[in-house]
Structures are given as structure tokens and as C-alpha cells.
Amino acid sequence: MRKNTIYKRLVEVQAGMSLRSFSERIVVGQSTLHNYLRGRIPKADFIDKACSAMNINERWLLSGKGPKYRNDLIEE
């Protein structure tokens, strides 16, 4: 079984923001966000919210592969 590493990338995205401001920006409860930052596997709706709010590439957040930001994706 693969170990969850999404939380490491979430911590990277949060860098410089308080838990409160990060949770408000994503529009999710602080306790939920805290659990995800501690290693709990996030639900799909959280991934969608976080990526949209922070302009993050979903593939990068889930796997660590590809560019971090959506703006860095090459349009084909």
C-alpha cells in the first residue's frame, strides 16, 4: 500500500498562511483542514476546492508529478 504524501504538498501550499486563513480561502473547516495537514487522505471535493482556490494542478497535489500551478500547464 502506498503511503499518503498529499499532506506534504498541502503543507507546502499553506506555507506562510495561518490555518485559519488557509481554511477560509479554501472554504473548509479548520478541523477538517488540520486533519488533512496531519496526513488524513482528503476527500475529492476538498481536492477540487483547494486546487481551484489556490490555482494548484490536481495531478501535482495528488501525485507530486507535473507542474505545481495550473498556470504552468502547457496547453495542447
Protein backbone atom coordinates (compact mmCIF):
# COMPACT_ATOMS: atom_id res chain seq x y z
CA MET A 1 0.00 0.00 0.00
CA ARG A 2 1.31 3.44 -0.93
CA LYS A 3 1.76 5.98 1.81
CA ASN A 4 -0.26 9.19 1.64
CA THR A 5 2.04 12.08 0.72
CA ILE A 6 -0.65 14.57 -0.25
CA TYR A 7 -0.38 16.23 3.15
CA LYS A 8 3.25 17.17 2.45
CA ARG A 9 2.19 19.09 -0.64
CA LEU A 10 -0.71 20.68 1.24
CA VAL A 11 1.77 21.92 3.85
CA GLU A 12 3.85 23.36 1.01
CA VAL A 13 0.80 25.15 -0.43
CA GLN A 14 -0.09 26.52 3.02
CA ALA A 15 3.39 27.94 3.61
CA GLY A 16 3.17 31.45 5.04
CA MET A 17 -0.56 31.25 5.81
CA SER A 18 -2.21 30.54 9.12
CA LEU A 19 -4.52 27.55 9.40
CA ARG A 20 -7.43 29.96 9.68
CA SER A 21 -6.62 31.98 6.55
CA PHE A 22 -5.86 28.83 4.55
CA SER A 23 -9.15 27.21 5.60
CA GLU A 24 -11.09 30.39 4.81
CA ARG A 25 -9.50 30.65 1.38
CA ILE A 26 -10.38 27.03 0.56
CA VAL A 27 -13.77 27.34 2.32
CA VAL A 28 -13.37 24.32 4.56
CA GLY A 29 -13.46 23.95 8.33
CA GLN A 30 -10.23 24.39 10.26
CA SER A 31 -10.53 20.99 11.93
CA THR A 32 -11.01 19.28 8.56
CA LEU A 33 -8.01 21.08 7.11
CA HIS A 34 -5.96 20.27 10.21
CA ASN A 35 -6.72 16.56 9.75
CA TYR A 36 -5.62 16.68 6.10
CA LEU A 37 -2.43 18.55 7.01
CA ARG A 38 -1.67 15.80 9.53
CA GLY A 39 -1.96 13.00 6.98
CA ARG A 40 -5.61 12.08 6.63
CA ILE A 41 -6.47 11.41 2.99
CA PRO A 42 -8.62 14.28 1.67
CA LYS A 43 -11.98 13.77 0.00
CA ALA A 44 -12.41 14.59 -3.69
CA ASP A 45 -14.48 17.73 -3.02
CA PHE A 46 -11.70 19.10 -0.83
CA ILE A 47 -9.13 18.45 -3.58
CA ASP A 48 -11.34 20.35 -6.05
CA LYS A 49 -11.82 23.28 -3.67
CA ALA A 50 -8.16 23.50 -2.71
CA CYS A 51 -6.91 23.32 -6.28
CA SER A 52 -9.42 25.90 -7.51
CA ALA A 53 -8.82 28.32 -4.64
CA MET A 54 -5.03 28.05 -4.78
CA ASN A 55 -4.62 27.59 -8.56
CA ILE A 56 -2.94 24.24 -7.95
CA ASN A 57 -2.59 21.46 -10.51
CA GLU A 58 -4.62 18.48 -9.25
CA ARG A 59 -2.11 15.98 -10.62
CA TRP A 60 0.71 17.65 -8.69
CA LEU A 61 -1.28 17.70 -5.46
CA LEU A 62 -2.27 14.05 -5.74
CA SER A 63 0.98 12.57 -7.03
CA GLY A 64 3.73 15.17 -6.89
CA LYS A 65 4.11 14.92 -10.68
CA GLY A 66 3.76 17.73 -13.16
CA PRO A 67 3.84 21.46 -12.54
CA LYS A 68 2.62 22.75 -9.19
CA TYR A 69 0.45 25.53 -10.59
CA ARG A 70 -2.28 25.32 -13.22
CA ASN A 71 -0.80 28.36 -14.96
CA ASP A 72 2.34 26.33 -15.65
CA LEU A 73 0.47 23.63 -17.58
CA ILE A 74 1.26 23.60 -21.28
CA GLU A 75 -1.89 23.87 -23.32
CA GLU A 76 -2.10 21.39 -26.14
